[in-house]
Amino acid sequence: TPFYAQSEGSALRSFSDEVNRAANDNILYKHPQDFELFYLGKFDSDNGSFEVFPLARLVITAVSCLTVGGAGDDPRQVKIPMGVN
């Protein structure tokens, strides 16, 4: 389901948080291989307009958001690809 975020970085954090939220009813957590985050366009909250880009741009896959909680690792740390704000 499309959602709105203040910035691409904010959308990435929300997506990553949901991918890593362990819950029986969380399909992103249970099946991360099936999900990707795309940047679809821009929303202007001042006038309610939405600019849809001609081509959606892949931001990150859910599998890439999975955290690793090994010894010495911060389980909240997500490796974000270069160039993502």
N, C-alpha and C. Protein backbone atom coordinates (compact mmCIF):
# COMPACT_ATOMS: atom_id res chain seq x y z
N THR A 1 0.84 -1.18 0.00
CA THR A 1 0.00 0.00 0.00
C THR A 1 0.88 1.24 0.00
N PRO A 2 0.65 2.16 -0.92
CA PRO A 2 1.44 3.40 -0.91
C PRO A 2 1.25 4.17 0.39
N PHE A 3 2.31 4.86 0.80
CA PHE A 3 2.22 5.72 1.98
C PHE A 3 3.03 6.98 1.74
N TYR A 4 2.76 8.00 2.52
CA TYR A 4 3.41 9.29 2.41
C TYR A 4 4.42 9.45 3.53
N ALA A 5 5.59 10.01 3.23
CA ALA A 5 6.60 10.32 4.24
C ALA A 5 7.18 11.69 3.93
N GLN A 6 7.68 12.36 4.96
CA GLN A 6 8.24 13.71 4.80
C GLN A 6 9.47 13.72 3.90
N SER A 7 10.23 12.62 3.89
CA SER A 7 11.44 12.54 3.08
C SER A 7 11.69 11.08 2.70
N GLU A 8 12.60 10.89 1.77
CA GLU A 8 12.96 9.52 1.38
C GLU A 8 13.59 8.78 2.55
N GLY A 9 14.41 9.48 3.33
CA GLY A 9 15.04 8.86 4.50
C GLY A 9 14.02 8.42 5.54
N SER A 10 13.00 9.25 5.73
CA SER A 10 11.93 8.92 6.67
C SER A 10 11.16 7.69 6.20
N ALA A 11 10.88 7.62 4.91
CA ALA A 11 10.19 6.46 4.35
C ALA A 11 11.03 5.20 4.52
N LEU A 12 12.32 5.32 4.30
CA LEU A 12 13.23 4.19 4.44
C LEU A 12 13.25 3.69 5.89
N ARG A 13 13.30 4.61 6.84
CA ARG A 13 13.31 4.21 8.25
C ARG A 13 11.99 3.53 8.63
N SER A 14 10.87 4.08 8.17
CA SER A 14 9.56 3.47 8.49
C SER A 14 9.46 2.07 7.91
N PHE A 15 9.88 1.92 6.66
CA PHE A 15 9.84 0.63 5.98
C PHE A 15 10.74 -0.37 6.72
N SER A 16 11.96 0.05 7.04
CA SER A 16 12.89 -0.82 7.74
C SER A 16 12.37 -1.23 9.12
N ASP A 17 11.80 -0.27 9.82
CA ASP A 17 11.23 -0.59 11.14
C ASP A 17 10.14 -1.64 11.03
N GLU A 18 9.29 -1.51 10.02
CA GLU A 18 8.19 -2.47 9.85
C GLU A 18 8.70 -3.84 9.42
N VAL A 19 9.69 -3.87 8.55
CA VAL A 19 10.29 -5.14 8.12
C VAL A 19 10.85 -5.90 9.32
N ASN A 20 11.37 -5.18 10.29
CA ASN A 20 12.02 -5.80 11.44
C ASN A 20 11.14 -5.91 12.67
N ARG A 21 9.87 -5.52 12.56
CA ARG A 21 8.93 -5.61 13.69
C ARG A 21 8.37 -7.02 13.77
N ALA A 22 8.86 -7.78 14.73
CA ALA A 22 8.43 -9.17 14.89
C ALA A 22 7.00 -9.22 15.42
N ALA A 23 6.10 -9.74 14.60
CA ALA A 23 4.70 -9.92 14.99
C ALA A 23 4.07 -10.96 14.07
N ASN A 24 3.19 -11.77 14.63
CA ASN A 24 2.53 -12.81 13.84
C ASN A 24 1.72 -12.26 12.68
N ASP A 25 1.18 -11.05 12.83
CA ASP A 25 0.34 -10.48 11.78
C ASP A 25 1.12 -9.56 10.84
N ASN A 26 2.44 -9.52 10.93
CA ASN A 26 3.25 -8.63 10.10
C ASN A 26 3.81 -9.39 8.90
N ILE A 27 3.19 -9.20 7.76
CA ILE A 27 3.57 -9.93 6.55
C ILE A 27 4.94 -9.48 6.03
N LEU A 28 5.31 -8.23 6.26
CA LEU A 28 6.64 -7.77 5.85
C LEU A 28 7.73 -8.51 6.62
N TYR A 29 7.50 -8.75 7.91
CA TYR A 29 8.45 -9.46 8.75
C TYR A 29 8.51 -10.94 8.36
N LYS A 30 7.37 -11.53 8.09
CA LYS A 30 7.30 -12.95 7.79
C LYS A 30 7.80 -13.30 6.39
N HIS A 31 7.64 -12.36 5.43
CA HIS A 31 8.00 -12.65 4.03
C HIS A 31 8.75 -11.48 3.39
N PRO A 32 9.90 -11.09 3.93
CA PRO A 32 10.60 -9.92 3.39
C PRO A 32 11.05 -10.08 1.94
N GLN A 33 11.21 -11.31 1.50
CA GLN A 33 11.63 -11.54 0.12
C GLN A 33 10.58 -11.08 -0.89
N ASP A 34 9.37 -10.81 -0.45
CA ASP A 34 8.28 -10.43 -1.35
C ASP A 34 8.06 -8.92 -1.45
N PHE A 35 8.87 -8.09 -0.75
CA PHE A 35 8.57 -6.66 -0.67
C PHE A 35 9.76 -5.79 -1.03
N GLU A 36 9.45 -4.65 -1.66
CA GLU A 36 10.42 -3.63 -2.03
C GLU A 36 9.80 -2.26 -1.79
N LEU A 37 10.64 -1.27 -1.51
CA LEU A 37 10.17 0.10 -1.33
C LEU A 37 10.52 0.89 -2.58
N PHE A 38 9.52 1.52 -3.18
CA PHE A 38 9.71 2.33 -4.37
C PHE A 38 9.35 3.78 -4.10
N TYR A 39 10.05 4.69 -4.73
CA TYR A 39 9.75 6.12 -4.68
C TYR A 39 8.87 6.39 -5.90
N LEU A 40 7.59 6.71 -5.65
CA LEU A 40 6.61 6.85 -6.73
C LEU A 40 6.39 8.28 -7.20
N GLY A 41 6.63 9.25 -6.32
CA GLY A 41 6.37 10.63 -6.70
C GLY A 41 6.48 11.56 -5.52
N LYS A 42 5.93 12.76 -5.70
CA LYS A 42 5.97 13.78 -4.66
C LYS A 42 4.57 14.25 -4.32
N PHE A 43 4.34 14.46 -3.03
CA PHE A 43 3.06 14.95 -2.53
C PHE A 43 3.27 16.36 -1.99
N ASP A 44 2.43 17.30 -2.41
CA ASP A 44 2.48 18.67 -1.90
C ASP A 44 1.38 18.84 -0.87
N SER A 45 1.76 18.86 0.40
CA SER A 45 0.77 18.95 1.48
C SER A 45 0.10 20.33 1.53
N ASP A 46 0.68 21.33 0.89
CA ASP A 46 0.08 22.67 0.87
C ASP A 46 -1.19 22.71 0.03
N ASN A 47 -1.14 22.02 -1.12
CA ASN A 47 -2.33 22.07 -2.01
C ASN A 47 -2.94 20.70 -2.29
N GLY A 48 -2.38 19.65 -1.72
CA GLY A 48 -2.95 18.32 -1.88
C GLY A 48 -2.64 17.66 -3.20
N SER A 49 -1.72 18.20 -3.98
CA SER A 49 -1.42 17.61 -5.28
C SER A 49 -0.36 16.51 -5.15
N PHE A 50 -0.40 15.58 -6.08
CA PHE A 50 0.54 14.46 -6.10
C PHE A 50 1.13 14.37 -7.48
N GLU A 51 2.46 14.46 -7.58
CA GLU A 51 3.17 14.33 -8.85
C GLU A 51 3.69 12.90 -8.96
N VAL A 52 3.17 12.14 -9.89
CA VAL A 52 3.60 10.76 -10.09
C VAL A 52 4.75 10.76 -11.08
N PHE A 53 5.86 10.14 -10.70
CA PHE A 53 7.00 10.06 -11.60
C PHE A 53 6.70 9.08 -12.74
N PRO A 54 7.25 9.33 -13.94
CA PRO A 54 7.01 8.42 -15.07
C PRO A 54 7.50 6.99 -14.78
N LEU A 55 8.60 6.88 -14.03
CA LEU A 55 9.13 5.58 -13.66
C LEU A 55 9.36 5.55 -12.15
N ALA A 56 8.82 4.54 -11.50
CA ALA A 56 9.06 4.38 -10.08
C ALA A 56 10.52 3.99 -9.88
N ARG A 57 11.13 4.48 -8.79
CA ARG A 57 12.53 4.19 -8.51
C ARG A 57 12.63 3.31 -7.26
N LEU A 58 13.31 2.18 -7.41
CA LEU A 58 13.53 1.28 -6.28
C LEU A 58 14.43 1.98 -5.26
N VAL A 59 13.98 2.02 -4.01
CA VAL A 59 14.78 2.58 -2.92
C VAL A 59 15.56 1.47 -2.24
N ILE A 60 14.87 0.41 -1.83
CA ILE A 60 15.53 -0.70 -1.14
C ILE A 60 14.60 -1.91 -1.12
N THR A 61 15.17 -3.09 -1.03
CA THR A 61 14.37 -4.30 -0.86
C THR A 61 14.21 -4.56 0.63
N ALA A 62 13.16 -5.25 1.01
CA ALA A 62 12.94 -5.57 2.41
C ALA A 62 14.05 -6.48 2.94
N VAL A 63 14.54 -7.38 2.13
CA VAL A 63 15.62 -8.28 2.55
C VAL A 63 16.86 -7.47 2.92
N SER A 64 17.11 -6.38 2.19
CA SER A 64 18.26 -5.52 2.49
C SER A 64 18.10 -4.78 3.81
N CYS A 65 16.88 -4.67 4.29
CA CYS A 65 16.60 -3.98 5.56
C CYS A 65 16.74 -4.87 6.77
N LEU A 66 16.84 -6.17 6.57
CA LEU A 66 16.89 -7.09 7.71
C LEU A 66 18.09 -6.78 8.59
N THR A 67 17.87 -6.69 9.89
CA THR A 67 18.95 -6.43 10.82
C THR A 67 19.59 -7.73 11.24
N VAL A 68 20.83 -7.65 11.62
CA VAL A 68 21.59 -8.80 12.10
C VAL A 68 21.94 -8.53 13.54
N GLY A 69 21.52 -9.40 14.43
CA GLY A 69 21.76 -9.19 15.85
C GLY A 69 22.79 -10.14 16.42
N GLY A 70 24.01 -10.08 15.93
CA GLY A 70 25.07 -10.92 16.46
C GLY A 70 25.83 -10.22 17.57
N ALA A 71 26.80 -10.89 18.14
CA ALA A 71 27.60 -10.32 19.22
C ALA A 71 28.30 -9.06 18.72
N GLY A 72 28.12 -7.97 19.43
CA GLY A 72 28.76 -6.71 19.06
C GLY A 72 27.98 -5.92 18.03
N ASP A 73 26.97 -6.49 17.44
CA ASP A 73 26.16 -5.78 16.45
C ASP A 73 25.01 -5.06 17.14
N ASP A 74 24.70 -3.86 16.68
CA ASP A 74 23.51 -3.15 17.16
C ASP A 74 22.36 -3.66 16.32
N PRO A 75 21.37 -4.37 16.91
CA PRO A 75 20.28 -4.95 16.11
C PRO A 75 19.40 -3.90 15.45
N ARG A 76 19.55 -2.65 15.83
CA ARG A 76 18.73 -1.60 15.20
C ARG A 76 19.42 -1.00 14.00
N GLN A 77 20.68 -1.33 13.76
CA GLN A 77 21.43 -0.73 12.67
C GLN A 77 21.03 -1.36 11.34
N VAL A 78 20.74 -0.52 10.37
CA VAL A 78 20.38 -0.97 9.03
C VAL A 78 21.42 -0.42 8.07
N LYS A 79 21.91 -1.26 7.20
CA LYS A 79 22.86 -0.79 6.19
C LYS A 79 22.07 -0.16 5.05
N ILE A 80 22.21 1.16 4.91
CA ILE A 80 21.47 1.91 3.91
C ILE A 80 22.36 2.13 2.70
N PRO A 81 21.84 1.86 1.50
CA PRO A 81 22.67 2.03 0.30
C PRO A 81 23.10 3.48 0.13
N MET A 82 24.27 3.68 -0.44
CA MET A 82 24.77 5.03 -0.68
C MET A 82 23.82 5.79 -1.60
N GLY A 83 23.70 7.08 -1.37
CA GLY A 83 22.87 7.93 -2.23
C GLY A 83 21.45 8.06 -1.75
N VAL A 84 21.05 7.39 -0.67
CA VAL A 84 19.71 7.50 -0.14
C VAL A 84 19.74 8.50 1.00
N ASN A 85 18.90 9.52 0.93
CA ASN A 85 18.86 10.55 1.98
C ASN A 85 17.96 10.16 3.08
